Amino acid sequence: MVDPGYARCDIKDHSWSAPSKPPDCDLDWGDALQVSDKAAAGLVCHGDTALDPSAPVLAYGQRTRPGSIVCESAEAGVTCTHQPSGRGFFISRERYQLF
């Protein structure tokens, strides 16, 4: 899911382990990453999913930039970056990285 100042990626199947769930998170944890123009990249405490069956799919080799966030899809995974700050994330089935 990508909006002009926000990107979130949920992943159902992954082999990496998320850090421990924060004590203030009573919802789902460890399968979604986000970055916005207001906050650093990080894992998401959520009770929903970013999946929208009617949304277009970002095919391998494509990128989208609806605003300050750029997301690129590759066979290796998805990278989303807030361009002005350089904050963002990479996510794949094998690993994730926050930057």
C-alpha atoms as a PDB file:
ATOM      1  CA  MET A   1       0.000   0.000   0.000  1.00  0.00           C
ATOM      2  CA  VAL A   2       1.518   3.305  -1.095  1.00  0.00           C
ATOM      3  CA  ASP A   3       0.070   6.792  -0.609  1.00  0.00           C
ATOM      4  CA  PRO A   4       1.765  10.156  -1.202  1.00  0.00           C
ATOM      5  CA  GLY A   5       3.413  10.251   2.259  1.00  0.00           C
ATOM      6  CA  TYR A   6       3.142   6.651   3.478  1.00  0.00           C
ATOM      7  CA  ALA A   7       4.043   3.112   2.454  1.00  0.00           C
ATOM      8  CA  ARG A   8       3.282  -0.180   4.162  1.00  0.00           C
ATOM      9  CA  CYS A   9       4.100  -3.714   3.135  1.00  0.00           C
ATOM     10  CA  ASP A  10       2.597  -6.798   4.784  1.00  0.00           C
ATOM     11  CA  ILE A  11       4.110 -10.221   4.219  1.00  0.00           C
ATOM     12  CA  LYS A  12       2.281 -13.422   5.053  1.00  0.00           C
ATOM     13  CA  ASP A  13       5.044 -15.990   4.519  1.00  0.00           C
ATOM     14  CA  HIS A  14       8.534 -15.190   5.776  1.00  0.00           C
ATOM     15  CA  SER A  15      11.448 -17.037   7.355  1.00  0.00           C
ATOM     16  CA  TRP A  16      12.870 -14.149   9.437  1.00  0.00           C
ATOM     17  CA  SER A  17      12.064 -13.471  13.067  1.00  0.00           C
ATOM     18  CA  ALA A  18      10.769 -10.107  14.193  1.00  0.00           C
ATOM     19  CA  PRO A  19      11.989  -8.529  17.403  1.00  0.00           C
ATOM     20  CA  SER A  20       9.874  -9.092  20.488  1.00  0.00           C
ATOM     21  CA  LYS A  21       6.428  -7.545  20.444  1.00  0.00           C
ATOM     22  CA  PRO A  22       6.329  -4.239  22.356  1.00  0.00           C
ATOM     23  CA  PRO A  23       4.335  -4.388  25.584  1.00  0.00           C
ATOM     24  CA  ASP A  24       1.934  -1.702  24.317  1.00  0.00           C
ATOM     25  CA  CYS A  25       0.997  -3.747  21.207  1.00  0.00           C
ATOM     26  CA  ASP A  26      -2.137  -5.826  21.774  1.00  0.00           C
ATOM     27  CA  LEU A  27      -2.595  -6.570  18.069  1.00  0.00           C
ATOM     28  CA  ASP A  28      -0.648  -8.390  15.326  1.00  0.00           C
ATOM     29  CA  TRP A  29       3.113  -7.858  15.169  1.00  0.00           C
ATOM     30  CA  GLY A  30       6.086  -8.816  13.041  1.00  0.00           C
ATOM     31  CA  ASP A  31       4.633  -9.190   9.546  1.00  0.00           C
ATOM     32  CA  ALA A  32       4.314  -5.577   8.344  1.00  0.00           C
ATOM     33  CA  LEU A  33       6.732  -2.693   7.774  1.00  0.00           C
ATOM     34  CA  GLN A  34       6.001   0.971   7.144  1.00  0.00           C
ATOM     35  CA  VAL A  35       7.663   4.282   6.406  1.00  0.00           C
ATOM     36  CA  SER A  36       6.091   7.737   6.267  1.00  0.00           C
ATOM     37  CA  ASP A  37       7.017  11.362   5.767  1.00  0.00           C
ATOM     38  CA  LYS A  38       6.398  11.894   9.515  1.00  0.00           C
ATOM     39  CA  ALA A  39       8.125   8.891  11.132  1.00  0.00           C
ATOM     40  CA  ALA A  40      11.087   6.591  10.780  1.00  0.00           C
ATOM     41  CA  ALA A  41      10.648   3.187   9.175  1.00  0.00           C
ATOM     42  CA  GLY A  42       9.600   0.369  11.451  1.00  0.00           C
ATOM     43  CA  LEU A  43       7.472  -2.652  12.146  1.00  0.00           C
ATOM     44  CA  VAL A  44       3.727  -2.104  12.498  1.00  0.00           C
ATOM     45  CA  CYS A  45       1.447  -3.050  15.389  1.00  0.00           C
ATOM     46  CA  HIS A  46      -1.778  -3.635  13.469  1.00  0.00           C
ATOM     47  CA  GLY A  47      -5.204  -5.164  13.571  1.00  0.00           C
ATOM     48  CA  ASP A  48      -5.776  -5.000   9.840  1.00  0.00           C
ATOM     49  CA  THR A  49      -3.988  -5.851   6.623  1.00  0.00           C
ATOM     50  CA  ALA A  50      -2.718  -3.607   3.851  1.00  0.00           C
ATOM     51  CA  LEU A  51      -4.082  -6.069   1.300  1.00  0.00           C
ATOM     52  CA  ASP A  52      -6.594  -4.526  -1.069  1.00  0.00           C
ATOM     53  CA  PRO A  53      -7.624  -7.089  -3.713  1.00  0.00           C
ATOM     54  CA  SER A  54      -8.605  -4.301  -6.113  1.00  0.00           C
ATOM     55  CA  ALA A  55      -5.260  -2.467  -5.840  1.00  0.00           C
ATOM     56  CA  PRO A  56      -2.793  -2.677  -8.719  1.00  0.00           C
ATOM     57  CA  VAL A  57       0.172  -5.025  -8.225  1.00  0.00           C
ATOM     58  CA  LEU A  58       3.681  -3.586  -8.488  1.00  0.00           C
ATOM     59  CA  ALA A  59       5.336  -6.096 -10.831  1.00  0.00           C
ATOM     60  CA  TYR A  60       9.023  -7.008 -10.641  1.00  0.00           C
ATOM     61  CA  GLY A  61      11.160  -4.223 -12.091  1.00  0.00           C
ATOM     62  CA  GLN A  62       8.513  -1.545 -11.563  1.00  0.00           C
ATOM     63  CA  ARG A  63       8.494   1.421  -9.222  1.00  0.00           C
ATOM     64  CA  THR A  64       5.874   3.832  -8.013  1.00  0.00           C
ATOM     65  CA  ARG A  65       6.162   7.303  -6.560  1.00  0.00           C
ATOM     66  CA  PRO A  66       2.857   8.895  -5.619  1.00  0.00           C
ATOM     67  CA  GLY A  67       4.584  11.563  -3.505  1.00  0.00           C
ATOM     68  CA  SER A  68       7.646  11.576  -1.262  1.00  0.00           C
ATOM     69  CA  ILE A  69       7.781   7.754  -1.008  1.00  0.00           C
ATOM     70  CA  VAL A  70       9.300   5.579  -3.738  1.00  0.00           C
ATOM     71  CA  CYS A  71       8.674   1.831  -3.765  1.00  0.00           C
ATOM     72  CA  GLU A  72      10.470  -0.568  -6.085  1.00  0.00           C
ATOM     73  CA  SER A  73       9.673  -4.221  -6.658  1.00  0.00           C
ATOM     74  CA  ALA A  74      12.336  -6.770  -7.602  1.00  0.00           C
ATOM     75  CA  GLU A  75      12.602 -10.538  -7.461  1.00  0.00           C
ATOM     76  CA  ALA A  76      14.807 -10.073  -4.373  1.00  0.00           C
ATOM     77  CA  GLY A  77      12.101  -8.084  -2.525  1.00  0.00           C
ATOM     78  CA  VAL A  78      10.430  -4.689  -2.158  1.00  0.00           C
ATOM     79  CA  THR A  79      12.195  -1.471  -1.146  1.00  0.00           C
ATOM     80  CA  CYS A  80      10.324   1.659  -0.059  1.00  0.00           C
ATOM     81  CA  THR A  81      12.177   4.895   0.674  1.00  0.00           C
ATOM     82  CA  HIS A  82      11.092   8.319   1.876  1.00  0.00           C
ATOM     83  CA  GLN A  83      13.180  10.285  -0.616  1.00  0.00           C
ATOM     84  CA  PRO A  84      13.832  13.503   1.357  1.00  0.00           C
ATOM     85  CA  SER A  85      15.112  11.693   4.481  1.00  0.00           C
ATOM     86  CA  GLY A  86      16.427   8.421   3.059  1.00  0.00           C
ATOM     87  CA  ARG A  87      14.418   6.476   5.674  1.00  0.00           C
ATOM     88  CA  GLY A  88      12.845   3.256   4.504  1.00  0.00           C
ATOM     89  CA  PHE A  89      12.726  -0.501   4.451  1.00  0.00           C
ATOM     90  CA  PHE A  90      13.497  -3.587   2.405  1.00  0.00           C
ATOM     91  CA  ILE A  91      11.318  -6.683   2.812  1.00  0.00           C
ATOM     92  CA  SER A  92      11.437 -10.183   1.370  1.00  0.00           C
ATOM     93  CA  ARG A  93      10.592 -13.685   2.510  1.00  0.00           C
ATOM     94  CA  GLU A  94      14.180 -14.203   3.673  1.00  0.00           C
ATOM     95  CA  ARG A  95      14.885 -10.944   5.502  1.00  0.00           C
ATOM     96  CA  TYR A  96      13.928  -7.376   6.243  1.00  0.00           C
ATOM     97  CA  GLN A  97      16.013  -4.274   6.805  1.00  0.00           C
ATOM     98  CA  LEU A  98      15.146  -0.834   8.180  1.00  0.00           C
ATOM     99  CA  PHE A  99      17.219   2.177   7.165  1.00  0.00           C
END
